[in-house]
Amino acid sequence: LKSGPLGGDQQLGSLIAEGEIDVLVFLWDPMEPQPHDVDVKALLRIAVLYNVPTACNRSTADFMISSPLFTAEYEPAAIDFSGHLNRKLHP
């Protein structure tokens, strides 16, 4: 994948939407401004939308990878977007 500012964040988001990413560990420096902050926010929104476990700091990443669910069979809850896709749009 490309670097985040060069489209990598969007590539990750696409992989999440296609069901290719099971877990996201996205570590960033909160003391530094992100030149691609809008893309980072979009990536995190997609991860939440598709119910992908996401760690943005080392402690959360440690919890996730040490969880028994990390290596066991786990079927995440299915997400139903039909209500959104079939909604009536107003011009």
PDB file of N, CA and C in Angstrom:
ATOM      1  N   LEU A   1       0.836  -1.182   0.000  1.00  0.00           N
ATOM      2  CA  LEU A   1       0.000   0.000   0.000  1.00  0.00           C
ATOM      3  C   LEU A   1       0.881   1.245   0.000  1.00  0.00           C
ATOM      4  N   LYS A   2       0.302   2.316  -0.473  1.00  0.00           N
ATOM      5  CA  LYS A   2       1.039   3.578  -0.516  1.00  0.00           C
ATOM      6  C   LYS A   2       1.058   4.225   0.867  1.00  0.00           C
ATOM      7  N   SER A   3       1.903   5.223   1.003  1.00  0.00           N
ATOM      8  CA  SER A   3       1.937   6.030   2.212  1.00  0.00           C
ATOM      9  C   SER A   3       0.579   6.716   2.379  1.00  0.00           C
ATOM     10  N   GLY A   4       0.199   6.986   3.623  1.00  0.00           N
ATOM     11  CA  GLY A   4      -1.102   7.600   3.894  1.00  0.00           C
ATOM     12  C   GLY A   4      -1.411   8.836   3.066  1.00  0.00           C
ATOM     13  N   PRO A   5      -0.527   9.843   3.057  1.00  0.00           N
ATOM     14  CA  PRO A   5      -0.824  11.056   2.297  1.00  0.00           C
ATOM     15  C   PRO A   5      -0.891  10.831   0.781  1.00  0.00           C
ATOM     16  N   LEU A   6      -0.367   9.706   0.321  1.00  0.00           N
ATOM     17  CA  LEU A   6      -0.381   9.411  -1.116  1.00  0.00           C
ATOM     18  C   LEU A   6      -1.523   8.471  -1.499  1.00  0.00           C
ATOM     19  N   GLY A   7      -2.469   8.281  -0.584  1.00  0.00           N
ATOM     20  CA  GLY A   7      -3.627   7.446  -0.889  1.00  0.00           C
ATOM     21  C   GLY A   7      -3.710   6.158  -0.096  1.00  0.00           C
ATOM     22  N   GLY A   8      -2.717   5.889   0.744  1.00  0.00           N
ATOM     23  CA  GLY A   8      -2.708   4.647   1.517  1.00  0.00           C
ATOM     24  C   GLY A   8      -3.879   4.514   2.481  1.00  0.00           C
ATOM     25  N   ASP A   9      -4.283   5.640   3.101  1.00  0.00           N
ATOM     26  CA  ASP A   9      -5.434   5.600   4.011  1.00  0.00           C
ATOM     27  C   ASP A   9      -6.689   5.188   3.244  1.00  0.00           C
ATOM     28  N   GLN A  10      -6.842   5.725   2.054  1.00  0.00           N
ATOM     29  CA  GLN A  10      -8.004   5.390   1.224  1.00  0.00           C
ATOM     30  C   GLN A  10      -7.930   3.943   0.747  1.00  0.00           C
ATOM     31  N   GLN A  11      -6.726   3.460   0.455  1.00  0.00           N
ATOM     32  CA  GLN A  11      -6.578   2.058   0.060  1.00  0.00           C
ATOM     33  C   GLN A  11      -7.001   1.131   1.204  1.00  0.00           C
ATOM     34  N   LEU A  12      -6.581   1.459   2.429  1.00  0.00           N
ATOM     35  CA  LEU A  12      -6.993   0.660   3.590  1.00  0.00           C
ATOM     36  C   LEU A  12      -8.509   0.695   3.761  1.00  0.00           C
ATOM     37  N   GLY A  13      -9.100   1.867   3.602  1.00  0.00           N
ATOM     38  CA  GLY A  13     -10.550   1.992   3.702  1.00  0.00           C
ATOM     39  C   GLY A  13     -11.262   1.127   2.681  1.00  0.00           C
ATOM     40  N   SER A  14     -10.726   1.074   1.480  1.00  0.00           N
ATOM     41  CA  SER A  14     -11.306   0.236   0.429  1.00  0.00           C
ATOM     42  C   SER A  14     -11.220  -1.242   0.806  1.00  0.00           C
ATOM     43  N   LEU A  15     -10.087  -1.653   1.357  1.00  0.00           N
ATOM     44  CA  LEU A  15      -9.927  -3.046   1.786  1.00  0.00           C
ATOM     45  C   LEU A  15     -10.906  -3.395   2.906  1.00  0.00           C
ATOM     46  N   ILE A  16     -11.152  -2.449   3.803  1.00  0.00           N
ATOM     47  CA  ILE A  16     -12.127  -2.677   4.873  1.00  0.00           C
ATOM     48  C   ILE A  16     -13.514  -2.864   4.268  1.00  0.00           C
ATOM     49  N   ALA A  17     -13.889  -1.983   3.346  1.00  0.00           N
ATOM     50  CA  ALA A  17     -15.216  -2.053   2.720  1.00  0.00           C
ATOM     51  C   ALA A  17     -15.404  -3.349   1.937  1.00  0.00           C
ATOM     52  N   GLU A  18     -14.315  -3.908   1.425  1.00  0.00           N
ATOM     53  CA  GLU A  18     -14.389  -5.163   0.672  1.00  0.00           C
ATOM     54  C   GLU A  18     -14.300  -6.394   1.576  1.00  0.00           C
ATOM     55  N   GLY A  19     -14.162  -6.172   2.893  1.00  0.00           N
ATOM     56  CA  GLY A  19     -14.108  -7.291   3.831  1.00  0.00           C
ATOM     57  C   GLY A  19     -12.757  -7.972   3.904  1.00  0.00           C
ATOM     58  N   GLU A  20     -11.708  -7.284   3.477  1.00  0.00           N
ATOM     59  CA  GLU A  20     -10.366  -7.869   3.439  1.00  0.00           C
ATOM     60  C   GLU A  20      -9.542  -7.582   4.699  1.00  0.00           C
ATOM     61  N   ILE A  21     -10.029  -6.729   5.577  1.00  0.00           N
ATOM     62  CA  ILE A  21      -9.302  -6.364   6.795  1.00  0.00           C
ATOM     63  C   ILE A  21     -10.123  -6.816   8.001  1.00  0.00           C
ATOM     64  N   ASP A  22      -9.531  -7.610   8.878  1.00  0.00           N
ATOM     65  CA  ASP A  22     -10.223  -8.096  10.075  1.00  0.00           C
ATOM     66  C   ASP A  22      -9.945  -7.228  11.296  1.00  0.00           C
ATOM     67  N   VAL A  23      -8.738  -6.667  11.379  1.00  0.00           N
ATOM     68  CA  VAL A  23      -8.309  -5.873  12.522  1.00  0.00           C
ATOM     69  C   VAL A  23      -7.454  -4.732  11.994  1.00  0.00           C
ATOM     70  N   LEU A  24      -7.613  -3.550  12.580  1.00  0.00           N
ATOM     71  CA  LEU A  24      -6.815  -2.398  12.162  1.00  0.00           C
ATOM     72  C   LEU A  24      -6.023  -1.878  13.351  1.00  0.00           C
ATOM     73  N   VAL A  25      -4.714  -1.857  13.226  1.00  0.00           N
ATOM     74  CA  VAL A  25      -3.844  -1.212  14.210  1.00  0.00           C
ATOM     75  C   VAL A  25      -3.245  -0.014  13.490  1.00  0.00           C
ATOM     76  N   PHE A  26      -3.669   1.163  13.901  1.00  0.00           N
ATOM     77  CA  PHE A  26      -3.286   2.399  13.224  1.00  0.00           C
ATOM     78  C   PHE A  26      -2.682   3.334  14.258  1.00  0.00           C
ATOM     79  N   LEU A  27      -1.372   3.300  14.376  1.00  0.00           N
ATOM     80  CA  LEU A  27      -0.668   4.099  15.382  1.00  0.00           C
ATOM     81  C   LEU A  27      -0.215   5.414  14.762  1.00  0.00           C
ATOM     82  N   TRP A  28      -0.496   6.490  15.457  1.00  0.00           N
ATOM     83  CA  TRP A  28      -0.110   7.812  14.972  1.00  0.00           C
ATOM     84  C   TRP A  28       0.316   8.662  16.155  1.00  0.00           C
ATOM     85  N   ASP A  29       1.064   9.695  15.869  1.00  0.00           N
ATOM     86  CA  ASP A  29       1.596  10.566  16.910  1.00  0.00           C
ATOM     87  C   ASP A  29       0.599  11.696  17.175  1.00  0.00           C
ATOM     88  N   PRO A  30      -0.066  11.706  18.335  1.00  0.00           N
ATOM     89  CA  PRO A  30      -1.049  12.747  18.612  1.00  0.00           C
ATOM     90  C   PRO A  30      -0.427  14.131  18.822  1.00  0.00           C
ATOM     91  N   MET A  31       0.888  14.181  18.944  1.00  0.00           N
ATOM     92  CA  MET A  31       1.563  15.462  19.142  1.00  0.00           C
ATOM     93  C   MET A  31       1.980  16.113  17.822  1.00  0.00           C
ATOM     94  N   GLU A  32       1.793  15.410  16.731  1.00  0.00           N
ATOM     95  CA  GLU A  32       2.167  15.931  15.417  1.00  0.00           C
ATOM     96  C   GLU A  32       0.921  16.113  14.559  1.00  0.00           C
ATOM     97  N   PRO A  33       0.818  17.243  13.873  1.00  0.00           N
ATOM     98  CA  PRO A  33      -0.320  17.409  12.959  1.00  0.00           C
ATOM     99  C   PRO A  33      -0.199  16.433  11.790  1.00  0.00           C
ATOM    100  N   GLN A  34      -1.323  15.894  11.378  1.00  0.00           N
ATOM    101  CA  GLN A  34      -1.338  14.949  10.262  1.00  0.00           C
ATOM    102  C   GLN A  34      -1.731  15.708   8.994  1.00  0.00           C
ATOM    103  N   PRO A  35      -0.854  15.728   7.988  1.00  0.00           N
ATOM    104  CA  PRO A  35      -1.198  16.456   6.759  1.00  0.00           C
ATOM    105  C   PRO A  35      -2.376  15.823   6.026  1.00  0.00           C
ATOM    106  N   HIS A  36      -2.672  14.593   6.344  1.00  0.00           N
ATOM    107  CA  HIS A  36      -3.771  13.872   5.698  1.00  0.00           C
ATOM    108  C   HIS A  36      -4.855  13.549   6.727  1.00  0.00           C
ATOM    109  N   ASP A  37      -5.083  14.489   7.641  1.00  0.00           N
ATOM    110  CA  ASP A  37      -6.024  14.285   8.743  1.00  0.00           C
ATOM    111  C   ASP A  37      -7.427  13.904   8.262  1.00  0.00           C
ATOM    112  N   VAL A  38      -7.879  14.501   7.174  1.00  0.00           N
ATOM    113  CA  VAL A  38      -9.209  14.189   6.640  1.00  0.00           C
ATOM    114  C   VAL A  38      -9.266  12.727   6.201  1.00  0.00           C
ATOM    115  N   ASP A  39      -8.192  12.244   5.577  1.00  0.00           N
ATOM    116  CA  ASP A  39      -8.144  10.847   5.138  1.00  0.00           C
ATOM    117  C   ASP A  39      -8.100   9.893   6.330  1.00  0.00           C
ATOM    118  N   VAL A  40      -7.358  10.269   7.367  1.00  0.00           N
ATOM    119  CA  VAL A  40      -7.277   9.444   8.579  1.00  0.00           C
ATOM    120  C   VAL A  40      -8.664   9.343   9.217  1.00  0.00           C
ATOM    121  N   LYS A  41      -9.357  10.472   9.311  1.00  0.00           N
ATOM    122  CA  LYS A  41     -10.701  10.467   9.893  1.00  0.00           C
ATOM    123  C   LYS A  41     -11.645   9.599   9.064  1.00  0.00           C
ATOM    124  N   ALA A  42     -11.538   9.666   7.745  1.00  0.00           N
ATOM    125  CA  ALA A  42     -12.380   8.833   6.871  1.00  0.00           C
ATOM    126  C   ALA A  42     -12.071   7.352   7.080  1.00  0.00           C
ATOM    127  N   LEU A  43     -10.792   7.009   7.221  1.00  0.00           N
ATOM    128  CA  LEU A  43     -10.402   5.618   7.458  1.00  0.00           C
ATOM    129  C   LEU A  43     -10.999   5.106   8.767  1.00  0.00           C
ATOM    130  N   LEU A  44     -10.880   5.891   9.818  1.00  0.00           N
ATOM    131  CA  LEU A  44     -11.415   5.472  11.113  1.00  0.00           C
ATOM    132  C   LEU A  44     -12.940   5.370  11.070  1.00  0.00           C
ATOM    133  N   ARG A  45     -13.596   6.244  10.325  1.00  0.00           N
ATOM    134  CA  ARG A  45     -15.051   6.173  10.176  1.00  0.00           C
ATOM    135  C   ARG A  45     -15.459   4.878   9.481  1.00  0.00           C
ATOM    136  N   ILE A  46     -14.742   4.505   8.429  1.00  0.00           N
ATOM    137  CA  ILE A  46     -15.040   3.262   7.701  1.00  0.00           C
ATOM    138  C   ILE A  46     -14.820   2.051   8.613  1.00  0.00           C
ATOM    139  N   ALA A  47     -13.751   2.093   9.413  1.00  0.00           N
ATOM    140  CA  ALA A  47     -13.484   0.982  10.339  1.00  0.00           C
ATOM    141  C   ALA A  47     -14.628   0.823  11.338  1.00  0.00           C
ATOM    142  N   VAL A  48     -15.142   1.931  11.847  1.00  0.00           N
ATOM    143  CA  VAL A  48     -16.273   1.874  12.781  1.00  0.00           C
ATOM    144  C   VAL A  48     -17.527   1.403  12.054  1.00  0.00           C
ATOM    145  N   LEU A  49     -17.770   1.937  10.867  1.00  0.00           N
ATOM    146  CA  LEU A  49     -18.956   1.578  10.089  1.00  0.00           C
ATOM    147  C   LEU A  49     -19.023   0.081   9.815  1.00  0.00           C
ATOM    148  N   TYR A  50     -17.869  -0.517   9.484  1.00  0.00           N
ATOM    149  CA  TYR A  50     -17.821  -1.945   9.162  1.00  0.00           C
ATOM    150  C   TYR A  50     -17.461  -2.814  10.365  1.00  0.00           C
ATOM    151  N   ASN A  51     -17.489  -2.221  11.567  1.00  0.00           N
ATOM    152  CA  ASN A  51     -17.296  -2.969  12.803  1.00  0.00           C
ATOM    153  C   ASN A  51     -15.948  -3.690  12.861  1.00  0.00           C
ATOM    154  N   VAL A  52     -14.897  -3.027  12.394  1.00  0.00           N
ATOM    155  CA  VAL A  52     -13.545  -3.586  12.420  1.00  0.00           C
ATOM    156  C   VAL A  52     -12.872  -3.151  13.722  1.00  0.00           C
ATOM    157  N   PRO A  53     -12.434  -4.099  14.551  1.00  0.00           N
ATOM    158  CA  PRO A  53     -11.719  -3.720  15.772  1.00  0.00           C
ATOM    159  C   PRO A  53     -10.509  -2.859  15.408  1.00  0.00           C
ATOM    160  N   THR A  54     -10.396  -1.706  16.083  1.00  0.00           N
ATOM    161  CA  THR A  54      -9.372  -0.728  15.724  1.00  0.00           C
ATOM    162  C   THR A  54      -8.596  -0.296  16.957  1.00  0.00           C
ATOM    163  N   ALA A  55      -7.281  -0.325  16.850  1.00  0.00           N
ATOM    164  CA  ALA A  55      -6.412   0.163  17.918  1.00  0.00           C
ATOM    165  C   ALA A  55      -5.652   1.373  17.395  1.00  0.00           C
ATOM    166  N   CYS A  56      -5.708   2.460  18.163  1.00  0.00           N
ATOM    167  CA  CYS A  56      -4.961   3.665  17.796  1.00  0.00           C
ATOM    168  C   CYS A  56      -3.852   3.959  18.802  1.00  0.00           C
ATOM    169  N   ASN A  57      -3.650   3.044  19.752  1.00  0.00           N
ATOM    170  CA  ASN A  57      -2.534   3.195  20.685  1.00  0.00           C
ATOM    171  C   ASN A  57      -2.030   1.807  21.077  1.00  0.00           C
ATOM    172  N   ARG A  58      -0.851   1.788  21.664  1.00  0.00           N
ATOM    173  CA  ARG A  58      -0.203   0.516  21.964  1.00  0.00           C
ATOM    174  C   ARG A  58      -0.985  -0.329  22.968  1.00  0.00           C
ATOM    175  N   SER A  59      -1.569   0.305  23.974  1.00  0.00           N
ATOM    176  CA  SER A  59      -2.314  -0.458  24.983  1.00  0.00           C
ATOM    177  C   SER A  59      -3.491  -1.197  24.363  1.00  0.00           C
ATOM    178  N   THR A  60      -4.235  -0.514  23.511  1.00  0.00           N
ATOM    179  CA  THR A  60      -5.377  -1.160  22.862  1.00  0.00           C
ATOM    180  C   THR A  60      -4.909  -2.271  21.934  1.00  0.00           C
ATOM    181  N   ALA A  61      -3.825  -2.030  21.209  1.00  0.00           N
ATOM    182  CA  ALA A  61      -3.280  -3.072  20.330  1.00  0.00           C
ATOM    183  C   ALA A  61      -2.865  -4.289  21.150  1.00  0.00           C
ATOM    184  N   ASP A  62      -2.229  -4.068  22.301  1.00  0.00           N
ATOM    185  CA  ASP A  62      -1.840  -5.177  23.177  1.00  0.00           C
ATOM    186  C   ASP A  62      -3.064  -5.963  23.644  1.00  0.00           C
ATOM    187  N   PHE A  63      -4.126  -5.259  24.041  1.00  0.00           N
ATOM    188  CA  PHE A  63      -5.362  -5.933  24.453  1.00  0.00           C
ATOM    189  C   PHE A  63      -5.926  -6.770  23.315  1.00  0.00           C
ATOM    190  N   MET A  64      -5.943  -6.210  22.120  1.00  0.00           N
ATOM    191  CA  MET A  64      -6.530  -6.924  20.984  1.00  0.00           C
ATOM    192  C   MET A  64      -5.750  -8.183  20.651  1.00  0.00           C
ATOM    193  N   ILE A  65      -4.424  -8.071  20.542  1.00  0.00           N
ATOM    194  CA  ILE A  65      -3.660  -9.242  20.101  1.00  0.00           C
ATOM    195  C   ILE A  65      -3.489 -10.283  21.198  1.00  0.00           C
ATOM    196  N   SER A  66      -3.701  -9.895  22.458  1.00  0.00           N
ATOM    197  CA  SER A  66      -3.618 -10.886  23.534  1.00  0.00           C
ATOM    198  C   SER A  66      -4.990 -11.492  23.859  1.00  0.00           C
ATOM    199  N   SER A  67      -6.032 -11.019  23.199  1.00  0.00           N
ATOM    200  CA  SER A  67      -7.377 -11.555  23.418  1.00  0.00           C
ATOM    201  C   SER A  67      -7.481 -12.976  22.872  1.00  0.00           C
ATOM    202  N   PRO A  68      -8.195 -13.868  23.566  1.00  0.00           N
ATOM    203  CA  PRO A  68      -8.417 -15.220  23.038  1.00  0.00           C
ATOM    204  C   PRO A  68      -9.152 -15.192  21.692  1.00  0.00           C
ATOM    205  N   LEU A  69      -9.902 -14.139  21.428  1.00  0.00           N
ATOM    206  CA  LEU A  69     -10.625 -14.030  20.162  1.00  0.00           C
ATOM    207  C   LEU A  69      -9.690 -13.758  18.978  1.00  0.00           C
ATOM    208  N   PHE A  70      -8.457 -13.339  19.276  1.00  0.00           N
ATOM    209  CA  PHE A  70      -7.523 -12.999  18.198  1.00  0.00           C
ATOM    210  C   PHE A  70      -7.140 -14.225  17.378  1.00  0.00           C
ATOM    211  N   THR A  71      -7.026 -15.376  18.027  1.00  0.00           N
ATOM    212  CA  THR A  71      -6.621 -16.592  17.315  1.00  0.00           C
ATOM    213  C   THR A  71      -7.754 -17.605  17.179  1.00  0.00           C
ATOM    214  N   ALA A  72      -8.870 -17.364  17.840  1.00  0.00           N
ATOM    215  CA  ALA A  72     -10.008 -18.293  17.767  1.00  0.00           C
ATOM    216  C   ALA A  72     -10.915 -17.914  16.600  1.00  0.00           C
ATOM    217  N   GLU A  73     -11.755 -18.864  16.222  1.00  0.00           N
ATOM    218  CA  GLU A  73     -12.761 -18.562  15.206  1.00  0.00           C
ATOM    219  C   GLU A  73     -13.726 -17.531  15.786  1.00  0.00           C
ATOM    220  N   TYR A  74     -13.975 -16.508  15.031  1.00  0.00           N
ATOM    221  CA  TYR A  74     -14.872 -15.446  15.488  1.00  0.00           C
ATOM    222  C   TYR A  74     -15.681 -14.956  14.304  1.00  0.00           C
ATOM    223  N   GLU A  75     -16.972 -14.935  14.469  1.00  0.00           N
ATOM    224  CA  GLU A  75     -17.854 -14.453  13.407  1.00  0.00           C
ATOM    225  C   GLU A  75     -18.434 -13.117  13.868  1.00  0.00           C
ATOM    226  N   PRO A  76     -17.956 -12.010  13.300  1.00  0.00           N
ATOM    227  CA  PRO A  76     -18.490 -10.709  13.720  1.00  0.00           C
ATOM    228  C   PRO A  76     -19.953 -10.563  13.317  1.00  0.00           C
ATOM    229  N   ALA A  77     -20.645  -9.692  14.004  1.00  0.00           N
ATOM    230  CA  ALA A  77     -22.052  -9.442  13.689  1.00  0.00           C
ATOM    231  C   ALA A  77     -22.172  -8.920  12.261  1.00  0.00           C
ATOM    232  N   ALA A  78     -23.130  -9.473  11.534  1.00  0.00           N
ATOM    233  CA  ALA A  78     -23.374  -9.017  10.164  1.00  0.00           C
ATOM    234  C   ALA A  78     -23.974  -7.618  10.206  1.00  0.00           C
ATOM    235  N   ILE A  79     -23.541  -6.804   9.281  1.00  0.00           N
ATOM    236  CA  ILE A  79     -24.032  -5.439   9.205  1.00  0.00           C
ATOM    237  C   ILE A  79     -25.029  -5.356   8.056  1.00  0.00           C
ATOM    238  N   ASP A  80     -26.200  -4.831   8.350  1.00  0.00           N
ATOM    239  CA  ASP A  80     -27.256  -4.722   7.344  1.00  0.00           C
ATOM    240  C   ASP A  80     -27.421  -3.260   6.943  1.00  0.00           C
ATOM    241  N   PHE A  81     -27.018  -2.951   5.727  1.00  0.00           N
ATOM    242  CA  PHE A  81     -27.127  -1.587   5.224  1.00  0.00           C
ATOM    243  C   PHE A  81     -28.374  -1.392   4.369  1.00  0.00           C
ATOM    244  N   SER A  82     -29.278  -2.373   4.334  1.00  0.00           N
ATOM    245  CA  SER A  82     -30.430  -2.288   3.435  1.00  0.00           C
ATOM    246  C   SER A  82     -31.315  -1.081   3.746  1.00  0.00           C
ATOM    247  N   GLY A  83     -31.488  -0.753   5.016  1.00  0.00           N
ATOM    248  CA  GLY A  83     -32.290   0.420   5.366  1.00  0.00           C
ATOM    249  C   GLY A  83     -31.709   1.692   4.778  1.00  0.00           C
ATOM    250  N   HIS A  84     -30.407   1.796   4.824  1.00  0.00           N
ATOM    251  CA  HIS A  84     -29.741   2.982   4.274  1.00  0.00           C
ATOM    252  C   HIS A  84     -29.801   2.974   2.746  1.00  0.00           C
ATOM    253  N   LEU A  85     -29.544   1.810   2.155  1.00  0.00           N
ATOM    254  CA  LEU A  85     -29.516   1.722   0.697  1.00  0.00           C
ATOM    255  C   LEU A  85     -30.897   1.896   0.076  1.00  0.00           C
ATOM    256  N   ASN A  86     -31.941   1.500   0.796  1.00  0.00           N
ATOM    257  CA  ASN A  86     -33.300   1.567   0.257  1.00  0.00           C
ATOM    258  C   ASN A  86     -34.076   2.798   0.718  1.00  0.00           C
ATOM    259  N   ARG A  87     -33.401   3.736   1.373  1.00  0.00           N
ATOM    260  CA  ARG A  87     -34.098   4.913   1.886  1.00  0.00           C
ATOM    261  C   ARG A  87     -34.596   5.796   0.742  1.00  0.00           C
ATOM    262  N   LYS A  88     -35.630   6.537   1.024  1.00  0.00           N
ATOM    263  CA  LYS A  88     -36.191   7.447   0.037  1.00  0.00           C
ATOM    264  C   LYS A  88     -35.380   8.739   0.061  1.00  0.00           C
ATOM    265  N   LEU A  89     -34.885   9.131  -1.078  1.00  0.00           N
ATOM    266  CA  LEU A  89     -34.101  10.360  -1.183  1.00  0.00           C
ATOM    267  C   LEU A  89     -35.007  11.509  -1.587  1.00  0.00           C
ATOM    268  N   HIS A  90     -34.822  12.626  -0.958  1.00  0.00           N
ATOM    269  CA  HIS A  90     -35.611  13.821  -1.273  1.00  0.00           C
ATOM    270  C   HIS A  90     -34.755  14.777  -2.097  1.00  0.00           C
ATOM    271  N   PRO A  91     -35.290  15.220  -3.236  1.00  0.00           N
ATOM    272  CA  PRO A  91     -34.497  16.135  -4.090  1.00  0.00           C
ATOM    273  C   PRO A  91     -34.311  17.491  -3.478  1.00  0.00           C
TER     274      PRO A  91
END
